[in-house]
């Protein structure tokens, strides 16, 4: 459902798209607390992470500011894009840490893909699985990103995608099952190597 701030945010998004940098700055100021909530959700259960929620938001905002052509439907869609940018920051951060010989630690996150217990998975493994899924079915990969990293409901995703909630739910279940299989496969491969 749209809230009073959503219309203001949509107007700021449209003004930013038209080249108004003041609108862009106002938008980020108005949405900062929501961006921090998304960031906190992404890194809440992280181990070995030296990024704060503020650092993650700021890095994602800088990346979004550099993009020339961003297409968004509304505030919710924009926040989902911001969540995607934050995920990219976390992945880049994990890769940088892994390449640093003095800090050779894995960056993990708690998987909320399964209905039962939560498992820790490496950001890099999840990223590779999402890339594979996007090659097979880009629509399902985007639903995972919006739901898992953007924290969006199935109803919000359906509104953005312009499809029924039942379609989104069906695609979410299929994508989640595929990713769980892929992540379990990666875990088994890791144990074989050890």
Foldseek 3Di string as FASTA:
>chain_A
DDDPVFVLLQVLVVVVLVPDVVSLVVNCVVCVVVQLVLLCVFCVPKDPDPDHSVNLLVQLSVVVVPDNDDDFDTDLRVLLSSLVSSLVVVVVRQVVQCVPPVRNDFIWTWDPLDPDDTDIDGSVLLVVLLVVVCVVPVVLSSLCSCVVRSVDDLVVVCVRVVHDSVVSVVSSVVSSVSSVVSRVVVVVVVVVVD
